[in-house]
Amino acid sequence: MDFLGAFSWINIRFLLQGLLITVEVAAASIVLSFLIGGFAGLIRFIKIPYLSKIVGIVIDVIRNLPLLLIIFFTYFALPQIGIRFDIFWSSVAALTIFESAMLSEIIRAGLNAVPKGQMEAGLSTGLNFSQTMSIVVFPQAFKAMVPAIVSQFISLIKDTSLAVIISLPELTHNAKIIYGQNSNYVLPMFIAMTVLYFIVCYILSLVSKFLESRQYNY
């Protein structure tokens, strides 16, 4: 093992470039999946005739598919029907599809956890449905959702490594290139990946604790 050579500035910079791609893909996927998953979860919560059932079926199908299959689908299958993304956006699309399905269930469960009397109380005060959801129901549901949502986002960050299969130049991909050039770098690169993934995920967990503390203070 050659730790000194493995952790040269050139290799460290290459790893950090991969980490930046990992964070960018994760950030884009987090924003999009939260918006889409929130909308899908709300549709299922309010039980719109037919539409809620259709959305539920789609979500159940996606949740029971391997993420790797969805990545292959967005990168190799979609171009066959004229929808083309580059490697970056194929990865974002795949992660967004998968995580939206997961988040929709978390959000739906969080909304269902709020007593029905809260909705009725809000409507009885003269608030309309949208106002009641945003002012009364969602803030209460969000307290229960935060740990599960952040846990799902942490999983999303780790799942970006699966995009190595389509050569997304993220952290795992770049580390693989480095130790592929020198077998003595295998263990140092795995140590480096472990540390970098831990730092990113730990920061996100701290954000989760901060949000929870603010919720309870209110």
C-alpha atoms as a PDB file:
ATOM      1  CA  MET A   1       0.000   0.000   0.000  1.00  0.00           C
ATOM      2  CA  ASP A   2       1.285   3.414  -0.940  1.00  0.00           C
ATOM      3  CA  PHE A   3      -0.621   5.994   1.110  1.00  0.00           C
ATOM      4  CA  LEU A   4       1.797   8.805   0.270  1.00  0.00           C
ATOM      5  CA  GLY A   5       1.435   8.316  -3.478  1.00  0.00           C
ATOM      6  CA  ALA A   6      -2.300   7.671  -3.254  1.00  0.00           C
ATOM      7  CA  PHE A   7      -2.934  10.926  -1.442  1.00  0.00           C
ATOM      8  CA  SER A   8      -0.898  13.125  -3.765  1.00  0.00           C
ATOM      9  CA  TRP A   9      -2.430  16.509  -4.568  1.00  0.00           C
ATOM     10  CA  ILE A  10      -3.355  15.380  -8.089  1.00  0.00           C
ATOM     11  CA  ASN A  11      -5.331  12.418  -6.743  1.00  0.00           C
ATOM     12  CA  ILE A  12      -6.936  14.418  -3.952  1.00  0.00           C
ATOM     13  CA  ARG A  13      -8.027  17.077  -6.436  1.00  0.00           C
ATOM     14  CA  PHE A  14      -9.449  14.395  -8.728  1.00  0.00           C
ATOM     15  CA  LEU A  15     -11.394  12.902  -5.820  1.00  0.00           C
ATOM     16  CA  LEU A  16     -12.733  16.319  -4.820  1.00  0.00           C
ATOM     17  CA  GLN A  17     -13.859  16.922  -8.394  1.00  0.00           C
ATOM     18  CA  GLY A  18     -15.780  13.655  -8.179  1.00  0.00           C
ATOM     19  CA  LEU A  19     -17.199  14.676  -4.804  1.00  0.00           C
ATOM     20  CA  LEU A  20     -18.422  17.939  -6.340  1.00  0.00           C
ATOM     21  CA  ILE A  21     -20.283  16.008  -9.042  1.00  0.00           C
ATOM     22  CA  THR A  22     -21.742  13.737  -6.347  1.00  0.00           C
ATOM     23  CA  VAL A  23     -23.008  16.747  -4.384  1.00  0.00           C
ATOM     24  CA  GLU A  24     -24.373  18.463  -7.513  1.00  0.00           C
ATOM     25  CA  VAL A  25     -26.268  15.358  -8.633  1.00  0.00           C
ATOM     26  CA  ALA A  26     -27.568  14.779  -5.109  1.00  0.00           C
ATOM     27  CA  ALA A  27     -28.624  18.422  -4.655  1.00  0.00           C
ATOM     28  CA  ALA A  28     -30.518  18.535  -7.955  1.00  0.00           C
ATOM     29  CA  SER A  29     -32.168  15.194  -7.221  1.00  0.00           C
ATOM     30  CA  ILE A  30     -33.113  16.241  -3.683  1.00  0.00           C
ATOM     31  CA  VAL A  31     -34.851  19.415  -4.859  1.00  0.00           C
ATOM     32  CA  LEU A  32     -36.698  17.733  -7.733  1.00  0.00           C
ATOM     33  CA  SER A  33     -37.667  14.608  -5.798  1.00  0.00           C
ATOM     34  CA  PHE A  34     -38.973  16.667  -2.872  1.00  0.00           C
ATOM     35  CA  LEU A  35     -41.171  18.724  -5.190  1.00  0.00           C
ATOM     36  CA  ILE A  36     -42.452  15.759  -7.211  1.00  0.00           C
ATOM     37  CA  GLY A  37     -42.696  13.443  -4.214  1.00  0.00           C
ATOM     38  CA  GLY A  38     -44.522  16.099  -2.215  1.00  0.00           C
ATOM     39  CA  PHE A  39     -47.031  16.625  -5.009  1.00  0.00           C
ATOM     40  CA  ALA A  40     -47.563  12.868  -5.440  1.00  0.00           C
ATOM     41  CA  GLY A  41     -47.909  12.368  -1.683  1.00  0.00           C
ATOM     42  CA  LEU A  42     -50.469  15.153  -1.486  1.00  0.00           C
ATOM     43  CA  ILE A  43     -52.478  13.637  -4.335  1.00  0.00           C
ATOM     44  CA  ARG A  44     -52.590  10.321  -2.526  1.00  0.00           C
ATOM     45  CA  PHE A  45     -53.463  12.009   0.773  1.00  0.00           C
ATOM     46  CA  ILE A  46     -56.484  13.921  -0.522  1.00  0.00           C
ATOM     47  CA  LYS A  47     -57.725  10.845  -2.410  1.00  0.00           C
ATOM     48  CA  ILE A  48     -58.691  12.329  -5.767  1.00  0.00           C
ATOM     49  CA  PRO A  49     -60.928   9.771  -7.532  1.00  0.00           C
ATOM     50  CA  TYR A  50     -59.000   7.612 -10.025  1.00  0.00           C
ATOM     51  CA  LEU A  51     -55.979   9.929 -10.072  1.00  0.00           C
ATOM     52  CA  SER A  52     -54.857   8.967  -6.557  1.00  0.00           C
ATOM     53  CA  LYS A  53     -55.119   5.275  -7.397  1.00  0.00           C
ATOM     54  CA  ILE A  54     -53.167   5.686 -10.623  1.00  0.00           C
ATOM     55  CA  VAL A  55     -50.441   7.642  -8.820  1.00  0.00           C
ATOM     56  CA  GLY A  56     -50.391   4.976  -6.112  1.00  0.00           C
ATOM     57  CA  ILE A  57     -49.890   2.197  -8.663  1.00  0.00           C
ATOM     58  CA  VAL A  58     -47.060   4.073 -10.361  1.00  0.00           C
ATOM     59  CA  ILE A  59     -45.376   4.736  -7.003  1.00  0.00           C
ATOM     60  CA  ASP A  60     -45.668   1.086  -5.945  1.00  0.00           C
ATOM     61  CA  VAL A  61     -44.121  -0.056  -9.225  1.00  0.00           C
ATOM     62  CA  ILE A  62     -41.189   2.353  -8.944  1.00  0.00           C
ATOM     63  CA  ARG A  63     -40.557   1.532  -5.274  1.00  0.00           C
ATOM     64  CA  ASN A  64     -40.230  -2.150  -6.145  1.00  0.00           C
ATOM     65  CA  LEU A  65     -37.740  -1.626  -8.968  1.00  0.00           C
ATOM     66  CA  PRO A  66     -33.959  -1.621  -8.397  1.00  0.00           C
ATOM     67  CA  LEU A  67     -32.446   1.832  -8.771  1.00  0.00           C
ATOM     68  CA  LEU A  68     -29.815   0.415 -11.098  1.00  0.00           C
ATOM     69  CA  LEU A  69     -32.558  -0.607 -13.528  1.00  0.00           C
ATOM     70  CA  ILE A  70     -33.989   2.925 -13.491  1.00  0.00           C
ATOM     71  CA  ILE A  71     -30.521   4.367 -14.193  1.00  0.00           C
ATOM     72  CA  PHE A  72     -30.162   2.029 -17.188  1.00  0.00           C
ATOM     73  CA  PHE A  73     -33.658   3.025 -18.323  1.00  0.00           C
ATOM     74  CA  THR A  74     -33.011   6.771 -18.268  1.00  0.00           C
ATOM     75  CA  TYR A  75     -29.634   6.490 -20.007  1.00  0.00           C
ATOM     76  CA  PHE A  76     -30.182   3.674 -22.513  1.00  0.00           C
ATOM     77  CA  ALA A  77     -33.938   3.236 -23.004  1.00  0.00           C
ATOM     78  CA  LEU A  78     -35.258   6.796 -23.105  1.00  0.00           C
ATOM     79  CA  PRO A  79     -33.104   7.729 -26.138  1.00  0.00           C
ATOM     80  CA  GLN A  80     -34.922   4.962 -28.025  1.00  0.00           C
ATOM     81  CA  ILE A  81     -38.108   7.033 -27.787  1.00  0.00           C
ATOM     82  CA  GLY A  82     -36.402  10.333 -28.526  1.00  0.00           C
ATOM     83  CA  ILE A  83     -35.716  11.524 -24.966  1.00  0.00           C
ATOM     84  CA  ARG A  84     -32.002  12.117 -24.538  1.00  0.00           C
ATOM     85  CA  PHE A  85     -30.091  13.247 -21.466  1.00  0.00           C
ATOM     86  CA  ASP A  86     -26.372  13.507 -20.894  1.00  0.00           C
ATOM     87  CA  ILE A  87     -24.797  11.380 -18.164  1.00  0.00           C
ATOM     88  CA  PHE A  88     -25.329  14.017 -15.468  1.00  0.00           C
ATOM     89  CA  TRP A  89     -29.021  14.559 -16.140  1.00  0.00           C
ATOM     90  CA  SER A  90     -29.663  10.856 -16.743  1.00  0.00           C
ATOM     91  CA  SER A  91     -28.367  10.241 -13.223  1.00  0.00           C
ATOM     92  CA  VAL A  92     -30.462  13.091 -11.815  1.00  0.00           C
ATOM     93  CA  ALA A  93     -33.571  11.825 -13.633  1.00  0.00           C
ATOM     94  CA  ALA A  94     -33.105   8.261 -12.369  1.00  0.00           C
ATOM     95  CA  LEU A  95     -32.503   9.337  -8.771  1.00  0.00           C
ATOM     96  CA  THR A  96     -35.414  11.776  -8.914  1.00  0.00           C
ATOM     97  CA  ILE A  97     -37.817   9.105 -10.197  1.00  0.00           C
ATOM     98  CA  PHE A  98     -36.772   6.641  -7.519  1.00  0.00           C
ATOM     99  CA  GLU A  99     -36.568   9.062  -4.599  1.00  0.00           C
ATOM    100  CA  SER A 100     -39.844  10.797  -5.520  1.00  0.00           C
ATOM    101  CA  ALA A 101     -41.642   7.490  -5.062  1.00  0.00           C
ATOM    102  CA  MET A 102     -39.997   6.967  -1.674  1.00  0.00           C
ATOM    103  CA  LEU A 103     -40.632  10.516  -0.475  1.00  0.00           C
ATOM    104  CA  SER A 104     -44.254  10.484  -1.584  1.00  0.00           C
ATOM    105  CA  GLU A 105     -44.946   7.668   0.859  1.00  0.00           C
ATOM    106  CA  ILE A 106     -43.107   9.441   3.675  1.00  0.00           C
ATOM    107  CA  ILE A 107     -45.066  12.640   3.051  1.00  0.00           C
ATOM    108  CA  ARG A 108     -48.380  10.821   2.742  1.00  0.00           C
ATOM    109  CA  ALA A 109     -47.714   8.971   6.002  1.00  0.00           C
ATOM    110  CA  GLY A 110     -46.750  12.217   7.721  1.00  0.00           C
ATOM    111  CA  LEU A 111     -49.947  13.922   6.595  1.00  0.00           C
ATOM    112  CA  ASN A 112     -52.047  10.940   7.663  1.00  0.00           C
ATOM    113  CA  ALA A 113     -50.425  11.085  11.116  1.00  0.00           C
ATOM    114  CA  VAL A 114     -52.025  14.478  11.776  1.00  0.00           C
ATOM    115  CA  PRO A 115     -55.419  14.000  13.501  1.00  0.00           C
ATOM    116  CA  LYS A 116     -58.326  14.620  11.136  1.00  0.00           C
ATOM    117  CA  GLY A 117     -59.754  17.038  13.659  1.00  0.00           C
ATOM    118  CA  GLN A 118     -56.961  19.467  12.798  1.00  0.00           C
ATOM    119  CA  MET A 119     -58.176  19.733   9.224  1.00  0.00           C
ATOM    120  CA  GLU A 120     -61.763  20.152  10.374  1.00  0.00           C
ATOM    121  CA  ALA A 121     -60.739  22.785  12.906  1.00  0.00           C
ATOM    122  CA  GLY A 122     -58.884  24.772  10.266  1.00  0.00           C
ATOM    123  CA  LEU A 123     -61.792  24.666   7.830  1.00  0.00           C
ATOM    124  CA  SER A 124     -64.236  25.649  10.556  1.00  0.00           C
ATOM    125  CA  THR A 125     -62.302  28.871  11.228  1.00  0.00           C
ATOM    126  CA  GLY A 126     -62.883  30.030   7.665  1.00  0.00           C
ATOM    127  CA  LEU A 127     -59.608  28.879   6.127  1.00  0.00           C
ATOM    128  CA  ASN A 128     -59.855  27.223   2.726  1.00  0.00           C
ATOM    129  CA  PHE A 129     -58.307  23.820   1.994  1.00  0.00           C
ATOM    130  CA  SER A 130     -54.965  25.186   0.756  1.00  0.00           C
ATOM    131  CA  GLN A 131     -54.606  27.520   3.735  1.00  0.00           C
ATOM    132  CA  THR A 132     -55.496  24.766   6.188  1.00  0.00           C
ATOM    133  CA  MET A 133     -52.933  22.416   4.635  1.00  0.00           C
ATOM    134  CA  SER A 134     -50.136  24.986   4.611  1.00  0.00           C
ATOM    135  CA  ILE A 135     -50.839  26.664   7.965  1.00  0.00           C
ATOM    136  CA  VAL A 136     -52.320  23.902  10.133  1.00  0.00           C
ATOM    137  CA  VAL A 137     -51.678  20.411   8.787  1.00  0.00           C
ATOM    138  CA  PHE A 138     -48.307  20.501   7.050  1.00  0.00           C
ATOM    139  CA  PRO A 139     -46.320  22.170   9.868  1.00  0.00           C
ATOM    140  CA  GLN A 140     -47.469  19.435  12.246  1.00  0.00           C
ATOM    141  CA  ALA A 141     -46.791  16.689   9.715  1.00  0.00           C
ATOM    142  CA  PHE A 142     -43.350  18.076   8.931  1.00  0.00           C
ATOM    143  CA  LYS A 143     -42.132  17.344  12.469  1.00  0.00           C
ATOM    144  CA  ALA A 144     -42.795  13.659  11.930  1.00  0.00           C
ATOM    145  CA  MET A 145     -41.419  13.696   8.387  1.00  0.00           C
ATOM    146  CA  VAL A 146     -38.029  15.323   8.998  1.00  0.00           C
ATOM    147  CA  PRO A 147     -36.066  12.273  10.268  1.00  0.00           C
ATOM    148  CA  ALA A 148     -37.389   9.988   7.535  1.00  0.00           C
ATOM    149  CA  ILE A 149     -36.906  12.577   4.782  1.00  0.00           C
ATOM    150  CA  VAL A 150     -33.319  13.322   5.793  1.00  0.00           C
ATOM    151  CA  SER A 151     -32.604   9.601   6.080  1.00  0.00           C
ATOM    152  CA  GLN A 152     -33.901   9.191   2.539  1.00  0.00           C
ATOM    153  CA  PHE A 153     -31.730  12.071   1.330  1.00  0.00           C
ATOM    154  CA  ILE A 154     -28.681  10.472   2.950  1.00  0.00           C
ATOM    155  CA  SER A 155     -29.501   7.259   1.096  1.00  0.00           C
ATOM    156  CA  LEU A 156     -29.798   9.303  -2.097  1.00  0.00           C
ATOM    157  CA  ILE A 157     -26.286  10.695  -1.639  1.00  0.00           C
ATOM    158  CA  LYS A 158     -24.900   7.184  -1.239  1.00  0.00           C
ATOM    159  CA  ASP A 159     -26.973   5.941  -4.174  1.00  0.00           C
ATOM    160  CA  THR A 160     -25.218   8.383  -6.508  1.00  0.00           C
ATOM    161  CA  SER A 161     -22.361   5.875  -6.518  1.00  0.00           C
ATOM    162  CA  LEU A 162     -24.548   3.533  -8.596  1.00  0.00           C
ATOM    163  CA  ALA A 163     -24.261   5.991 -11.484  1.00  0.00           C
ATOM    164  CA  VAL A 164     -20.686   4.758 -11.894  1.00  0.00           C
ATOM    165  CA  ILE A 165     -22.284   2.111 -14.118  1.00  0.00           C
ATOM    166  CA  ILE A 166     -22.932   4.794 -16.779  1.00  0.00           C
ATOM    167  CA  SER A 167     -19.563   6.466 -16.126  1.00  0.00           C
ATOM    168  CA  LEU A 168     -20.818   9.506 -14.227  1.00  0.00           C
ATOM    169  CA  PRO A 169     -17.554  11.136 -13.063  1.00  0.00           C
ATOM    170  CA  GLU A 170     -18.597  11.188  -9.397  1.00  0.00           C
ATOM    171  CA  LEU A 171     -16.565  10.218  -6.338  1.00  0.00           C
ATOM    172  CA  THR A 172     -16.664   6.424  -6.730  1.00  0.00           C
ATOM    173  CA  HIS A 173     -15.938   6.649 -10.450  1.00  0.00           C
ATOM    174  CA  ASN A 174     -12.878   8.858  -9.914  1.00  0.00           C
ATOM    175  CA  ALA A 175     -11.581   6.707  -7.074  1.00  0.00           C
ATOM    176  CA  LYS A 176     -11.952   3.653  -9.298  1.00  0.00           C
ATOM    177  CA  ILE A 177      -9.861   5.329 -11.982  1.00  0.00           C
ATOM    178  CA  ILE A 178      -7.121   6.151  -9.467  1.00  0.00           C
ATOM    179  CA  TYR A 179      -6.802   2.645  -8.017  1.00  0.00           C
ATOM    180  CA  GLY A 180      -7.214   1.153 -11.477  1.00  0.00           C
ATOM    181  CA  GLN A 181      -3.911   2.766 -12.407  1.00  0.00           C
ATOM    182  CA  ASN A 182      -2.122   1.418  -9.347  1.00  0.00           C
ATOM    183  CA  SER A 183      -3.360  -1.569  -7.329  1.00  0.00           C
ATOM    184  CA  ASN A 184      -1.471  -0.266  -4.281  1.00  0.00           C
ATOM    185  CA  TYR A 185      -3.999   2.558  -4.082  1.00  0.00           C
ATOM    186  CA  VAL A 186      -7.070   0.340  -3.547  1.00  0.00           C
ATOM    187  CA  LEU A 187      -7.219   0.557   0.258  1.00  0.00           C
ATOM    188  CA  PRO A 188      -6.265   4.265   0.442  1.00  0.00           C
ATOM    189  CA  MET A 189      -8.988   5.112  -2.078  1.00  0.00           C
ATOM    190  CA  PHE A 190     -11.615   3.162  -0.146  1.00  0.00           C
ATOM    191  CA  ILE A 191     -10.556   4.963   3.015  1.00  0.00           C
ATOM    192  CA  ALA A 192     -10.777   8.313   1.205  1.00  0.00           C
ATOM    193  CA  MET A 193     -14.253   7.487  -0.156  1.00  0.00           C
ATOM    194  CA  THR A 194     -15.411   6.413   3.293  1.00  0.00           C
ATOM    195  CA  VAL A 195     -14.250   9.669   4.866  1.00  0.00           C
ATOM    196  CA  LEU A 196     -15.714  11.906   2.153  1.00  0.00           C
ATOM    197  CA  TYR A 197     -19.103  10.152   2.046  1.00  0.00           C
ATOM    198  CA  PHE A 198     -19.234  10.251   5.845  1.00  0.00           C
ATOM    199  CA  ILE A 199     -18.523  13.995   5.953  1.00  0.00           C
ATOM    200  CA  VAL A 200     -21.288  14.821   3.472  1.00  0.00           C
ATOM    201  CA  CYS A 201     -23.841  12.522   5.115  1.00  0.00           C
ATOM    202  CA  TYR A 202     -22.910  13.662   8.612  1.00  0.00           C
ATOM    203  CA  ILE A 203     -23.401  17.320   7.645  1.00  0.00           C
ATOM    204  CA  LEU A 204     -26.851  16.426   6.340  1.00  0.00           C
ATOM    205  CA  SER A 205     -27.667  14.633   9.604  1.00  0.00           C
ATOM    206  CA  LEU A 206     -26.632  17.756  11.540  1.00  0.00           C
ATOM    207  CA  VAL A 207     -28.992  19.797   9.374  1.00  0.00           C
ATOM    208  CA  SER A 208     -31.731  17.317  10.271  1.00  0.00           C
ATOM    209  CA  LYS A 209     -31.082  17.721  13.997  1.00  0.00           C
ATOM    210  CA  PHE A 210     -31.087  21.502  13.617  1.00  0.00           C
ATOM    211  CA  LEU A 211     -34.435  21.455  11.807  1.00  0.00           C
ATOM    212  CA  GLU A 212     -35.929  19.139  14.428  1.00  0.00           C
ATOM    213  CA  SER A 213     -34.733  21.376  17.266  1.00  0.00           C
ATOM    214  CA  ARG A 214     -36.267  24.432  15.604  1.00  0.00           C
ATOM    215  CA  GLN A 215     -39.545  22.592  15.116  1.00  0.00           C
ATOM    216  CA  TYR A 216     -39.714  21.605  18.762  1.00  0.00           C
ATOM    217  CA  ASN A 217     -38.787  25.118  19.895  1.00  0.00           C
ATOM    218  CA  TYR A 218     -41.821  26.412  18.056  1.00  0.00           C
END
